PDB file of N, CA and C in Angstrom:
ATOM      1  N   UNK A   1      87.082 128.668  53.837  1.00  0.00           N
ATOM      2  CA  UNK A   1      87.017 129.883  53.058  1.00  0.00           C
ATOM      3  C   UNK A   1      86.746 131.085  53.965  1.00  0.00           C
ATOM      4  N   UNK A   2      85.787 130.920  54.917  1.00  0.00           N
ATOM      5  CA  UNK A   2      85.476 132.023  55.828  1.00  0.00           C
ATOM      6  C   UNK A   2      86.661 132.349  56.724  1.00  0.00           C
ATOM      7  N   UNK A   3      87.397 131.329  57.121  1.00  0.00           N
ATOM      8  CA  UNK A   3      88.578 131.568  57.955  1.00  0.00           C
ATOM      9  C   UNK A   3      89.607 132.384  57.204  1.00  0.00           C
ATOM     10  N   UNK A   4      89.783 132.081  55.927  1.00  0.00           N
ATOM     11  CA  UNK A   4      90.735 132.815  55.107  1.00  0.00           C
ATOM     12  C   UNK A   4      90.286 134.262  54.944  1.00  0.00           C
ATOM     13  N   UNK A   5      88.990 134.480  54.726  1.00  0.00           N
ATOM     14  CA  UNK A   5      88.456 135.832  54.599  1.00  0.00           C
ATOM     15  C   UNK A   5      88.641 136.601  55.897  1.00  0.00           C
ATOM     16  N   UNK A   6      88.384 135.951  57.028  1.00  0.00           N
ATOM     17  CA  UNK A   6      88.574 136.596  58.331  1.00  0.00           C
ATOM     18  C   UNK A   6      90.024 136.972  58.563  1.00  0.00           C
ATOM     19  N   UNK A   7      90.933 136.107  58.165  1.00  0.00           N
ATOM     20  CA  UNK A   7      92.359 136.387  58.313  1.00  0.00           C
ATOM     21  C   UNK A   7      92.778 137.566  57.458  1.00  0.00           C
ATOM     22  N   UNK A   8      92.295 137.621  56.231  1.00  0.00           N
ATOM     23  CA  UNK A   8      92.615 138.741  55.329  1.00  0.00           C
ATOM     24  C   UNK A   8      92.077 140.048  55.905  1.00  0.00           C
ATOM     25  N   UNK A   9      90.854 140.035  56.401  1.00  0.00           N
ATOM     26  CA  UNK A   9      90.271 141.251  56.976  1.00  0.00           C
ATOM     27  C   UNK A   9      91.016 141.695  58.231  1.00  0.00           C
ATOM     28  N   UNK A  10      91.424 140.739  59.048  1.00  0.00           N
ATOM     29  CA  UNK A  10      92.160 141.074  60.268  1.00  0.00           C
ATOM     30  C   UNK A  10      93.512 141.693  59.934  1.00  0.00           C
ATOM     31  N   UNK A  11      94.166 141.190  58.923  1.00  0.00           N
ATOM     32  CA  UNK A  11      95.471 141.729  58.532  1.00  0.00           C
ATOM     33  C   UNK A  11      95.337 143.054  57.792  1.00  0.00           C
ATOM     34  N   UNK A  12      94.206 143.254  57.132  1.00  0.00           N
ATOM     35  CA  UNK A  12      94.009 144.481  56.363  1.00  0.00           C
ATOM     36  C   UNK A  12      93.728 145.681  57.250  1.00  0.00           C
ATOM     37  N   UNK A  13      93.218 145.448  58.445  1.00  0.00           N
ATOM     38  CA  UNK A  13      92.939 146.555  59.366  1.00  0.00           C
ATOM     39  C   UNK A  13      94.238 147.204  59.800  1.00  0.00           C
ATOM     40  N   UNK A  14      94.258 148.525  59.804  1.00  0.00           N
ATOM     41  CA  UNK A  14      95.468 149.168  60.308  1.00  0.00           C
ATOM     42  C   UNK A  14      95.575 148.939  61.812  1.00  0.00           C
ATOM     43  N   UNK A  15      96.732 148.557  62.225  1.00  0.00           N
ATOM     44  CA  UNK A  15      96.958 148.322  63.655  1.00  0.00           C
ATOM     45  C   UNK A  15      96.913 149.642  64.396  1.00  0.00           C
ATOM     46  N   UNK A  16      96.370 149.613  65.593  1.00  0.00           N
ATOM     47  CA  UNK A  16      96.336 150.825  66.405  1.00  0.00           C
ATOM     48  C   UNK A  16      97.779 151.218  66.713  1.00  0.00           C
ATOM     49  N   UNK A  17      98.100 152.422  66.324  1.00  0.00           N
ATOM     50  CA  UNK A  17      99.476 152.880  66.506  1.00  0.00           C
ATOM     51  C   UNK A  17      99.773 153.043  67.989  1.00  0.00           C
ATOM     52  N   UNK A  18     100.814 152.395  68.428  1.00  0.00           N
ATOM     53  CA  UNK A  18     101.247 152.547  69.816  1.00  0.00           C
ATOM     54  C   UNK A  18     101.851 153.944  69.964  1.00  0.00           C
ATOM     55  N   UNK A  19     101.626 154.567  71.115  1.00  0.00           N
ATOM     56  CA  UNK A  19     102.186 155.912  71.281  1.00  0.00           C
ATOM     57  C   UNK A  19     103.708 155.869  71.222  1.00  0.00           C
ATOM     58  N   UNK A  20     104.257 156.870  70.564  1.00  0.00           N
ATOM     59  CA  UNK A  20     105.709 156.943  70.460  1.00  0.00           C
ATOM     60  C   UNK A  20     106.298 157.280  71.830  1.00  0.00           C
ATOM     61  N   UNK A  21     107.597 157.168  71.920  1.00  0.00           N
ATOM     62  CA  UNK A  21     108.289 157.456  73.178  1.00  0.00           C
ATOM     63  C   UNK A  21     108.038 158.905  73.603  1.00  0.00           C
ATOM     64  N   UNK A  22     108.139 159.839  72.655  1.00  0.00           N
ATOM     65  CA  UNK A  22     107.913 161.253  72.983  1.00  0.00           C
ATOM     66  C   UNK A  22     106.463 161.520  73.360  1.00  0.00           C
ATOM     67  N   UNK A  23     105.521 160.783  72.755  1.00  0.00           N
ATOM     68  CA  UNK A  23     104.116 160.913  73.147  1.00  0.00           C
ATOM     69  C   UNK A  23     103.936 160.503  74.610  1.00  0.00           C
ATOM     70  N   UNK A  24     104.621 159.426  75.007  1.00  0.00           N
ATOM     71  CA  UNK A  24     104.545 158.970  76.396  1.00  0.00           C
ATOM     72  C   UNK A  24     105.128 160.033  77.330  1.00  0.00           C
ATOM     73  N   UNK A  25     106.254 160.617  76.938  1.00  0.00           N
ATOM     74  CA  UNK A  25     106.874 161.672  77.753  1.00  0.00           C
ATOM     75  C   UNK A  25     105.919 162.847  77.889  1.00  0.00           C
ATOM     76  N   UNK A  26     105.323 163.270  76.779  1.00  0.00           N
ATOM     77  CA  UNK A  26     104.411 164.422  76.819  1.00  0.00           C
ATOM     78  C   UNK A  26     103.144 164.126  77.589  1.00  0.00           C
ATOM     79  N   UNK A  27     102.639 162.900  77.504  1.00  0.00           N
ATOM     80  CA  UNK A  27     101.439 162.531  78.273  1.00  0.00           C
ATOM     81  C   UNK A  27     101.702 162.667  79.775  1.00  0.00           C
ATOM     82  N   UNK A  28     102.847 162.190  80.211  1.00  0.00           N
ATOM     83  CA  UNK A  28     103.190 162.291  81.635  1.00  0.00           C
ATOM     84  C   UNK A  28     103.466 163.743  82.003  1.00  0.00           C
ATOM     85  N   UNK A  29     104.151 164.472  81.131  1.00  0.00           N
ATOM     86  CA  UNK A  29     104.472 165.878  81.409  1.00  0.00           C
ATOM     87  C   UNK A  29     103.208 166.734  81.510  1.00  0.00           C
ATOM     88  N   UNK A  30     102.140 166.352  80.791  1.00  0.00           N
ATOM     89  CA  UNK A  30     100.872 167.100  80.886  1.00  0.00           C
ATOM     90  C   UNK A  30     100.172 166.855  82.224  1.00  0.00           C
ATOM     91  N   UNK A  31     100.564 165.812  82.927  1.00  0.00           N
ATOM     92  CA  UNK A  31      99.957 165.512  84.222  1.00  0.00           C
ATOM     93  C   UNK A  31     100.688 166.186  85.383  1.00  0.00           C
ATOM     94  N   UNK A  32     101.765 166.890  85.076  1.00  0.00           N
ATOM     95  CA  UNK A  32     102.568 167.557  86.114  1.00  0.00           C
ATOM     96  C   UNK A  32     102.569 169.060  85.894  1.00  0.00           C
ATOM     97  N   UNK A  33     102.372 169.793  86.976  1.00  0.00           N
ATOM     98  CA  UNK A  33     102.449 171.253  86.913  1.00  0.00           C
ATOM     99  C   UNK A  33     103.904 171.674  87.106  1.00  0.00           C
ATOM    100  N   UNK A  34     104.307 172.687  86.385  1.00  0.00           N
ATOM    101  CA  UNK A  34     105.657 173.211  86.545  1.00  0.00           C
ATOM    102  C   UNK A  34     105.725 173.942  87.887  1.00  0.00           C
ATOM    103  N   UNK A  35     106.646 173.562  88.766  1.00  0.00           N
ATOM    104  CA  UNK A  35     106.725 174.182  90.095  1.00  0.00           C
ATOM    105  C   UNK A  35     107.114 175.661  90.082  1.00  0.00           C
ATOM    106  N   UNK A  36     107.745 176.134  89.004  1.00  0.00           N
ATOM    107  CA  UNK A  36     108.188 177.532  88.977  1.00  0.00           C
ATOM    108  C   UNK A  36     107.379 178.399  88.018  1.00  0.00           C
ATOM    109  N   UNK A  37     106.430 177.809  87.305  1.00  0.00           N
ATOM    110  CA  UNK A  37     105.618 178.558  86.338  1.00  0.00           C
ATOM    111  C   UNK A  37     104.189 178.649  86.855  1.00  0.00           C
ATOM    112  N   UNK A  38     103.581 179.773  86.630  1.00  0.00           N
ATOM    113  CA  UNK A  38     102.198 179.958  87.086  1.00  0.00           C
ATOM    114  C   UNK A  38     101.237 179.348  86.072  1.00  0.00           C
ATOM    115  N   UNK A  39     100.573 178.277  86.467  1.00  0.00           N
ATOM    116  CA  UNK A  39      99.510 177.712  85.661  1.00  0.00           C
ATOM    117  C   UNK A  39      99.943 176.980  84.400  1.00  0.00           C
ATOM    118  N   UNK A  40     101.173 176.538  84.321  1.00  0.00           N
ATOM    119  CA  UNK A  40     101.629 175.797  83.147  1.00  0.00           C
ATOM    120  C   UNK A  40     102.037 174.388  83.551  1.00  0.00           C
ATOM    121  N   UNK A  41     101.737 173.448  82.665  1.00  0.00           N
ATOM    122  CA  UNK A  41     102.203 172.092  82.910  1.00  0.00           C
ATOM    123  C   UNK A  41     103.660 171.984  82.466  1.00  0.00           C
ATOM    124  N   UNK A  42     104.282 170.893  82.834  1.00  0.00           N
ATOM    125  CA  UNK A  42     105.671 170.649  82.438  1.00  0.00           C
ATOM    126  C   UNK A  42     105.762 170.534  80.919  1.00  0.00           C
ATOM    127  N   UNK A  43     104.723 170.026  80.279  1.00  0.00           N
ATOM    128  CA  UNK A  43     104.717 169.899  78.822  1.00  0.00           C
ATOM    129  C   UNK A  43     104.666 171.263  78.147  1.00  0.00           C
ATOM    130  N   UNK A  44     103.995 172.236  78.750  1.00  0.00           N
ATOM    131  CA  UNK A  44     103.824 173.560  78.148  1.00  0.00           C
ATOM    132  C   UNK A  44     104.988 174.498  78.424  1.00  0.00           C
ATOM    133  N   UNK A  45     105.644 174.313  79.527  1.00  0.00           N
ATOM    134  CA  UNK A  45     106.660 175.259  79.983  1.00  0.00           C
ATOM    135  C   UNK A  45     108.010 175.013  79.314  1.00  0.00           C
ATOM    136  N   UNK A  46     108.749 176.101  79.123  1.00  0.00           N
ATOM    137  CA  UNK A  46     110.114 176.009  78.610  1.00  0.00           C
ATOM    138  C   UNK A  46     111.122 176.442  79.662  1.00  0.00           C
ATOM    139  N   UNK A  47     110.694 176.481  80.923  1.00  0.00           N
ATOM    140  CA  UNK A  47     111.619 176.863  81.987  1.00  0.00           C
ATOM    141  C   UNK A  47     112.698 175.789  82.135  1.00  0.00           C
ATOM    142  N   UNK A  48     113.792 176.168  82.736  1.00  0.00           N
ATOM    143  CA  UNK A  48     114.898 175.228  82.936  1.00  0.00           C
ATOM    144  C   UNK A  48     114.436 174.012  83.730  1.00  0.00           C
ATOM    145  N   UNK A  49     113.641 174.247  84.777  1.00  0.00           N
ATOM    146  CA  UNK A  49     113.172 173.137  85.606  1.00  0.00           C
ATOM    147  C   UNK A  49     112.260 172.202  84.815  1.00  0.00           C
ATOM    148  N   UNK A  50     111.369 172.758  83.999  1.00  0.00           N
ATOM    149  CA  UNK A  50     110.460 171.922  83.209  1.00  0.00           C
ATOM    150  C   UNK A  50     111.243 171.077  82.202  1.00  0.00           C
ATOM    151  N   UNK A  51     112.272 171.663  81.598  1.00  0.00           N
ATOM    152  CA  UNK A  51     113.112 170.908  80.663  1.00  0.00           C
ATOM    153  C   UNK A  51     113.816 169.765  81.405  1.00  0.00           C
ATOM    154  N   UNK A  52     114.303 170.049  82.603  1.00  0.00           N
ATOM    155  CA  UNK A  52     114.958 169.012  83.414  1.00  0.00           C
ATOM    156  C   UNK A  52     113.965 167.923  83.817  1.00  0.00           C
ATOM    157  N   UNK A  53     112.735 168.327  84.133  1.00  0.00           N
ATOM    158  CA  UNK A  53     111.718 167.344  84.518  1.00  0.00           C
ATOM    159  C   UNK A  53     111.361 166.441  83.332  1.00  0.00           C
ATOM    160  N   UNK A  54     111.243 167.013  82.137  1.00  0.00           N
ATOM    161  CA  UNK A  54     110.963 166.183  80.956  1.00  0.00           C
ATOM    162  C   UNK A  54     112.108 165.210  80.697  1.00  0.00           C
ATOM    163  N   UNK A  55     113.337 165.649  80.910  1.00  0.00           N
ATOM    164  CA  UNK A  55     114.489 164.758  80.728  1.00  0.00           C
ATOM    165  C   UNK A  55     114.466 163.632  81.775  1.00  0.00           C
ATOM    166  N   UNK A  56     114.063 163.974  82.998  1.00  0.00           N
ATOM    167  CA  UNK A  56     113.945 162.944  84.044  1.00  0.00           C
ATOM    168  C   UNK A  56     112.861 161.929  83.683  1.00  0.00           C
ATOM    169  N   UNK A  57     111.770 162.402  83.090  1.00  0.00           N
ATOM    170  CA  UNK A  57     110.709 161.493  82.640  1.00  0.00           C
ATOM    171  C   UNK A  57     111.267 160.550  81.581  1.00  0.00           C
ATOM    172  N   UNK A  58     112.008 161.091  80.618  1.00  0.00           N
ATOM    173  CA  UNK A  58     112.625 160.246  79.580  1.00  0.00           C
ATOM    174  C   UNK A  58     113.533 159.177  80.193  1.00  0.00           C
ATOM    175  N   UNK A  59     114.383 159.612  81.129  1.00  0.00           N
ATOM    176  CA  UNK A  59     115.321 158.692  81.774  1.00  0.00           C
ATOM    177  C   UNK A  59     114.573 157.569  82.478  1.00  0.00           C
ATOM    178  N   UNK A  60     113.546 157.912  83.203  1.00  0.00           N
ATOM    179  CA  UNK A  60     112.789 156.912  83.959  1.00  0.00           C
ATOM    180  C   UNK A  60     111.997 155.983  83.039  1.00  0.00           C
ATOM    181  N   UNK A  61     111.476 156.521  81.932  1.00  0.00           N
ATOM    182  CA  UNK A  61     110.786 155.653  80.972  1.00  0.00           C
ATOM    183  C   UNK A  61     111.761 154.663  80.340  1.00  0.00           C
ATOM    184  N   UNK A  62     112.966 155.128  80.041  1.00  0.00           N
ATOM    185  CA  UNK A  62     113.975 154.226  79.463  1.00  0.00           C
ATOM    186  C   UNK A  62     114.342 153.110  80.438  1.00  0.00           C
ATOM    187  N   UNK A  63     114.290 153.414  81.739  1.00  0.00           N
ATOM    188  CA  UNK A  63     114.570 152.399  82.765  1.00  0.00           C
ATOM    189  C   UNK A  63     113.429 151.403  82.907  1.00  0.00           C
ATOM    190  N   UNK A  64     112.296 151.727  82.289  1.00  0.00           N
ATOM    191  CA  UNK A  64     111.157 150.817  82.354  1.00  0.00           C
ATOM    192  C   UNK A  64     110.155 151.153  83.441  1.00  0.00           C
ATOM    193  N   UNK A  65     110.259 152.329  84.040  1.00  0.00           N
ATOM    194  CA  UNK A  65     109.305 152.710  85.091  1.00  0.00           C
ATOM    195  C   UNK A  65     107.953 153.035  84.470  1.00  0.00           C
ATOM    196  N   UNK A  66     106.907 152.791  85.237  1.00  0.00           N
ATOM    197  CA  UNK A  66     105.548 153.055  84.768  1.00  0.00           C
ATOM    198  C   UNK A  66     105.184 154.525  85.010  1.00  0.00           C
ATOM    199  N   UNK A  67     104.086 154.929  84.416  1.00  0.00           N
ATOM    200  CA  UNK A  67     103.568 156.289  84.590  1.00  0.00           C
ATOM    201  C   UNK A  67     103.348 156.589  86.065  1.00  0.00           C
ATOM    202  N   UNK A  68     102.727 155.651  86.774  1.00  0.00           N
ATOM    203  CA  UNK A  68     102.437 155.859  88.199  1.00  0.00           C
ATOM    204  C   UNK A  68     103.716 155.984  89.025  1.00  0.00           C
ATOM    205  N   UNK A  69     104.725 155.210  88.692  1.00  0.00           N
ATOM    206  CA  UNK A  69     105.997 155.301  89.418  1.00  0.00           C
ATOM    207  C   UNK A  69     106.659 156.668  89.180  1.00  0.00           C
ATOM    208  N   UNK A  70     106.586 157.146  87.954  1.00  0.00           N
ATOM    209  CA  UNK A  70     107.187 158.446  87.634  1.00  0.00           C
ATOM    210  C   UNK A  70     106.439 159.566  88.344  1.00  0.00           C
ATOM    211  N   UNK A  71     105.121 159.512  88.321  1.00  0.00           N
ATOM    212  CA  UNK A  71     104.333 160.535  89.021  1.00  0.00           C
ATOM    213  C   UNK A  71     104.622 160.498  90.520  1.00  0.00           C
ATOM    214  N   UNK A  72     104.740 159.299  91.079  1.00  0.00           N
ATOM    215  CA  UNK A  72     105.042 159.167  92.513  1.00  0.00           C
ATOM    216  C   UNK A  72     106.407 159.780  92.830  1.00  0.00           C
ATOM    217  N   UNK A  73     107.369 159.623  91.938  1.00  0.00           N
ATOM    218  CA  UNK A  73     108.694 160.226  92.146  1.00  0.00           C
ATOM    219  C   UNK A  73     108.570 161.749  92.251  1.00  0.00           C
ATOM    220  N   UNK A  74     107.833 162.356  91.314  1.00  0.00           N
ATOM    221  CA  UNK A  74     107.714 163.812  91.331  1.00  0.00           C
ATOM    222  C   UNK A  74     106.883 164.306  92.518  1.00  0.00           C
ATOM    223  N   UNK A  75     105.891 163.534  92.932  1.00  0.00           N
ATOM    224  CA  UNK A  75     105.133 163.891  94.142  1.00  0.00           C
ATOM    225  C   UNK A  75     106.062 163.844  95.350  1.00  0.00           C
ATOM    226  N   UNK A  76     106.947 162.858  95.380  1.00  0.00           N
ATOM    227  CA  UNK A  76     107.926 162.774  96.466  1.00  0.00           C
ATOM    228  C   UNK A  76     108.880 163.964  96.478  1.00  0.00           C
ATOM    229  N   UNK A  77     109.216 164.475  95.319  1.00  0.00           N
ATOM    230  CA  UNK A  77     110.138 165.606  95.213  1.00  0.00           C
ATOM    231  C   UNK A  77     109.467 166.948  95.509  1.00  0.00           C
ATOM    232  N   UNK A  78     108.238 167.143  94.996  1.00  0.00           N
ATOM    233  CA  UNK A  78     107.600 168.456  95.043  1.00  0.00           C
ATOM    234  C   UNK A  78     106.295 168.502  95.822  1.00  0.00           C
ATOM    235  N   UNK A  79     105.774 167.370  96.249  1.00  0.00           N
ATOM    236  CA  UNK A  79     104.487 167.342  96.939  1.00  0.00           C
ATOM    237  C   UNK A  79     103.343 167.167  95.948  1.00  0.00           C
ATOM    238  N   UNK A  80     102.141 166.952  96.481  1.00  0.00           N
ATOM    239  CA  UNK A  80     100.981 166.687  95.628  1.00  0.00           C
ATOM    240  C   UNK A  80     100.564 167.879  94.786  1.00  0.00           C
ATOM    241  N   UNK A  81     101.045 169.067  95.134  1.00  0.00           N
ATOM    242  CA  UNK A  81     100.685 170.250  94.345  1.00  0.00           C
ATOM    243  C   UNK A  81     101.285 170.196  92.948  1.00  0.00           C
ATOM    244  N   UNK A  82     102.214 169.290  92.694  1.00  0.00           N
ATOM    245  CA  UNK A  82     102.820 169.166  91.373  1.00  0.00           C
ATOM    246  C   UNK A  82     101.877 168.459  90.389  1.00  0.00           C
ATOM    247  N   UNK A  83     100.868 167.778  90.891  1.00  0.00           N
ATOM    248  CA  UNK A  83      99.928 167.069  90.031  1.00  0.00           C
ATOM    249  C   UNK A  83      98.951 168.047  89.383  1.00  0.00           C
ATOM    250  N   UNK A  84      98.752 167.913  88.076  1.00  0.00           N
ATOM    251  CA  UNK A  84      97.818 168.788  87.363  1.00  0.00           C
ATOM    252  C   UNK A  84      96.382 168.505  87.800  1.00  0.00           C
ATOM    253  N   UNK A  85      96.086 167.239  88.116  1.00  0.00           N
ATOM    254  CA  UNK A  85      94.771 166.872  88.642  1.00  0.00           C
ATOM    255  C   UNK A  85      94.970 166.400  90.069  1.00  0.00           C
ATOM    256  N   UNK A  86      94.550 167.213  91.038  1.00  0.00           N
ATOM    257  CA  UNK A  86      94.753 166.802  92.424  1.00  0.00           C
ATOM    258  C   UNK A  86      93.993 165.513  92.730  1.00  0.00           C
ATOM    259  N   UNK A  87      94.517 164.711  93.663  1.00  0.00           N
ATOM    260  CA  UNK A  87      93.838 163.460  94.011  1.00  0.00           C
ATOM    261  C   UNK A  87      92.482 163.740  94.654  1.00  0.00           C
ATOM    262  N   UNK A  88      91.567 162.814  94.497  1.00  0.00           N
ATOM    263  CA  UNK A  88      90.213 162.988  95.038  1.00  0.00           C
ATOM    264  C   UNK A  88      90.126 162.426  96.443  1.00  0.00           C
ATOM    265  N   UNK A  89      90.868 163.027  97.349  1.00  0.00           N
ATOM    266  CA  UNK A  89      90.826 162.618  98.757  1.00  0.00           C
ATOM    267  C   UNK A  89      91.323 163.777  99.601  1.00  0.00           C
ATOM    268  N   UNK A  90      91.026 163.706 100.882  1.00  0.00           N
ATOM    269  CA  UNK A  90      91.493 164.724 101.818  1.00  0.00           C
ATOM    270  C   UNK A  90      90.981 166.114 101.464  1.00  0.00           C
ATOM    271  N   UNK A  91      91.825 167.098 101.668  1.00  0.00           N
ATOM    272  CA  UNK A  91      91.466 168.492 101.397  1.00  0.00           C
ATOM    273  C   UNK A  91      91.192 168.684  99.911  1.00  0.00           C
ATOM    274  N   UNK A  92      91.888 167.935  99.065  1.00  0.00           N
ATOM    275  CA  UNK A  92      91.695 168.074  97.628  1.00  0.00           C
ATOM    276  C   UNK A  92      90.292 167.665  97.191  1.00  0.00           C
ATOM    277  N   UNK A  93      89.614 166.867  98.012  1.00  0.00           N
ATOM    278  CA  UNK A  93      88.251 166.477  97.692  1.00  0.00           C
ATOM    279  C   UNK A  93      87.348 167.707  97.610  1.00  0.00           C
ATOM    280  N   UNK A  94      87.644 168.710  98.425  1.00  0.00           N
ATOM    281  CA  UNK A  94      86.876 169.955  98.366  1.00  0.00           C
ATOM    282  C   UNK A  94      87.010 170.628  97.002  1.00  0.00           C
ATOM    283  N   UNK A  95      88.183 170.548  96.403  1.00  0.00           N
ATOM    284  CA  UNK A  95      88.378 171.131  95.082  1.00  0.00           C
ATOM    285  C   UNK A  95      87.500 170.453  94.037  1.00  0.00           C
ATOM    286  N   UNK A  96      87.271 169.156  94.201  1.00  0.00           N
ATOM    287  CA  UNK A  96      86.434 168.432  93.257  1.00  0.00           C
ATOM    288  C   UNK A  96      84.947 168.653  93.543  1.00  0.00           C
ATOM    289  N   UNK A  97      84.586 168.787  94.813  1.00  0.00           N
ATOM    290  CA  UNK A  97      83.170 168.888  95.171  1.00  0.00           C
ATOM    291  C   UNK A  97      82.634 170.315  95.167  1.00  0.00           C
ATOM    292  N   UNK A  98      83.479 171.304  95.365  1.00  0.00           N
ATOM    293  CA  UNK A  98      83.025 172.691  95.456  1.00  0.00           C
ATOM    294  C   UNK A  98      82.253 173.146  94.211  1.00  0.00           C
ATOM    295  N   UNK A  99      82.719 172.899  93.002  1.00  0.00           N
ATOM    296  CA  UNK A  99      81.932 173.339  91.835  1.00  0.00           C
ATOM    297  C   UNK A  99      80.566 172.666  91.757  1.00  0.00           C
ATOM    298  N   UNK A 100      80.498 171.398  92.111  1.00  0.00           N
ATOM    299  CA  UNK A 100      79.220 170.677  92.079  1.00  0.00           C
ATOM    300  C   UNK A 100      78.272 171.265  93.123  1.00  0.00           C
ATOM    301  N   UNK A 101      78.788 171.513  94.313  1.00  0.00           N
ATOM    302  CA  UNK A 101      77.960 172.082  95.380  1.00  0.00           C
ATOM    303  C   UNK A 101      77.488 173.495  95.016  1.00  0.00           C
ATOM    304  N   UNK A 102      78.371 174.303  94.429  1.00  0.00           N
ATOM    305  CA  UNK A 102      78.001 175.667  94.031  1.00  0.00           C
ATOM    306  C   UNK A 102      76.920 175.630  92.957  1.00  0.00           C
ATOM    307  N   UNK A 103      77.039 174.718  92.010  1.00  0.00           N
ATOM    308  CA  UNK A 103      76.028 174.588  90.965  1.00  0.00           C
ATOM    309  C   UNK A 103      74.687 174.175  91.568  1.00  0.00           C
ATOM    310  N   UNK A 104      74.714 173.187  92.457  1.00  0.00           N
ATOM    311  CA  UNK A 104      73.486 172.727  93.104  1.00  0.00           C
ATOM    312  C   UNK A 104      72.812 173.837  93.905  1.00  0.00           C
ATOM    313  N   UNK A 105      73.598 174.617  94.641  1.00  0.00           N
ATOM    314  CA  UNK A 105      73.059 175.738  95.404  1.00  0.00           C
ATOM    315  C   UNK A 105      72.442 176.778  94.475  1.00  0.00           C
ATOM    316  N   UNK A 106      73.106 177.065  93.365  1.00  0.00           N
ATOM    317  CA  UNK A 106      72.583 178.025  92.390  1.00  0.00           C
ATOM    318  C   UNK A 106      71.252 177.567  91.811  1.00  0.00           C
ATOM    319  N   UNK A 107      71.147 176.284  91.476  1.00  0.00           N
ATOM    320  CA  UNK A 107      69.896 175.744  90.930  1.00  0.00           C
ATOM    321  C   UNK A 107      68.789 175.827  91.974  1.00  0.00           C
ATOM    322  N   UNK A 108      69.098 175.490  93.222  1.00  0.00           N
ATOM    323  CA  UNK A 108      68.096 175.541  94.291  1.00  0.00           C
ATOM    324  C   UNK A 108      67.597 176.979  94.503  1.00  0.00           C
ATOM    325  N   UNK A 109      68.503 177.935  94.509  1.00  0.00           N
ATOM    326  CA  UNK A 109      68.103 179.336  94.676  1.00  0.00           C
ATOM    327  C   UNK A 109      67.269 179.826  93.495  1.00  0.00           C
ATOM    328  N   UNK A 110      67.632 179.419  92.294  1.00  0.00           N
ATOM    329  CA  UNK A 110      66.867 179.817  91.107  1.00  0.00           C
ATOM    330  C   UNK A 110      65.455 179.240  91.156  1.00  0.00           C
ATOM    331  N   UNK A 111      65.327 177.972  91.551  1.00  0.00           N
ATOM    332  CA  UNK A 111      64.001 177.345  91.660  1.00  0.00           C
ATOM    333  C   UNK A 111      63.159 178.070  92.711  1.00  0.00           C
ATOM    334  N   UNK A 112      63.766 178.385  93.851  1.00  0.00           N
ATOM    335  CA  UNK A 112      63.036 179.091  94.907  1.00  0.00           C
ATOM    336  C   UNK A 112      62.573 180.468  94.427  1.00  0.00           C
ATOM    337  N   UNK A 113      63.422 181.163  93.727  1.00  0.00           N
ATOM    338  CA  UNK A 113      63.078 182.487  93.208  1.00  0.00           C
ATOM    339  C   UNK A 113      61.938 182.384  92.198  1.00  0.00           C
ATOM    340  N   UNK A 114      62.021 181.429  91.273  1.00  0.00           N
ATOM    341  CA  UNK A 114      60.982 181.295  90.247  1.00  0.00           C
ATOM    342  C   UNK A 114      59.652 180.865  90.846  1.00  0.00           C
ATOM    343  N   UNK A 115      59.677 180.012  91.851  1.00  0.00           N
ATOM    344  CA  UNK A 115      58.423 179.623  92.520  1.00  0.00           C
ATOM    345  C   UNK A 115      57.791 180.820  93.226  1.00  0.00           C
ATOM    346  N   UNK A 116      58.596 181.661  93.800  1.00  0.00           N
ATOM    347  CA  UNK A 116      58.073 182.859  94.462  1.00  0.00           C
ATOM    348  C   UNK A 116      57.440 183.823  93.477  1.00  0.00           C
ATOM    349  N   UNK A 117      57.940 183.865  92.273  1.00  0.00           N
ATOM    350  CA  UNK A 117      57.391 184.762  91.247  1.00  0.00           C
ATOM    351  C   UNK A 117      56.046 184.259  90.729  1.00  0.00           C
ATOM    352  N   UNK A 118      55.815 182.945  90.769  1.00  0.00           N
ATOM    353  CA  UNK A 118      54.581 182.395  90.194  1.00  0.00           C
ATOM    354  C   UNK A 118      53.492 182.182  91.229  1.00  0.00           C
ATOM    355  N   UNK A 119      53.762 182.340  92.508  1.00  0.00           N
ATOM    356  CA  UNK A 119      52.724 182.155  93.537  1.00  0.00           C
ATOM    357  C   UNK A 119      51.735 183.322  93.486  1.00  0.00           C
ATOM    358  N   UNK A 120      50.472 183.004  93.655  1.00  0.00           N
ATOM    359  CA  UNK A 120      49.492 184.106  93.699  1.00  0.00           C
ATOM    360  C   UNK A 120      49.680 184.921  94.986  1.00  0.00           C
ATOM    361  N   UNK A 121      49.557 186.181  94.859  1.00  0.00           N
ATOM    362  CA  UNK A 121      49.745 187.069  96.001  1.00  0.00           C
ATOM    363  C   UNK A 121      48.387 187.296  96.664  1.00  0.00           C
ATOM    364  N   UNK A 122      48.391 187.414  97.987  1.00  0.00           N
ATOM    365  CA  UNK A 122      47.110 187.689  98.661  1.00  0.00           C
ATOM    366  C   UNK A 122      46.583 189.077  98.250  1.00  0.00           C
ATOM    367  N   UNK A 123      45.261 189.229  98.210  1.00  0.00           N
ATOM    368  CA  UNK A 123      44.706 190.542  97.808  1.00  0.00           C
ATOM    369  C   UNK A 123      45.117 191.612  98.817  1.00  0.00           C
ATOM    370  N   UNK A 124      45.323 192.787  98.298  1.00  0.00           N
ATOM    371  CA  UNK A 124      45.733 193.924  99.145  1.00  0.00           C
ATOM    372  C   UNK A 124      44.557 194.361  99.980  1.00  0.00           C
ATOM    373  N   UNK A 125      44.826 194.687 101.242  1.00  0.00           N
ATOM    374  CA  UNK A 125      43.758 195.149 102.143  1.00  0.00           C
ATOM    375  C   UNK A 125      43.571 196.634 101.964  1.00  0.00           C
ATOM    376  N   UNK A 126      42.322 197.083 102.082  1.00  0.00           N
ATOM    377  CA  UNK A 126      42.029 198.505 101.945  1.00  0.00           C
ATOM    378  C   UNK A 126      41.993 199.214 103.255  1.00  0.00           C
TER     379      UNK A 126
END
């Protein structure tokens, strides 16, 4: 009886919807910056190149290529600057670490300033 109840409950749950083909295309396109547009991803841009890049993504997905293979193709064509999220290595590591370091420096300076404000001052000499 419990097995039957478990089976009914398992079948009654809505299956997690697999992303549609266009969702897959848009997910990959959001990971690529448009080489001719300032600050827009391939998914956001309507430039001729971005439209061609989305079509290339579709073609490669139909061939069965993975997300990583498609991204590697575009990196080969345009360089790592085409990636919306730069890799965490080499010079790009500075891009990831700079905000953390700036925040840490700001906190350290604020603590030093506040400690200086709360220290008792020596009495003034006459």
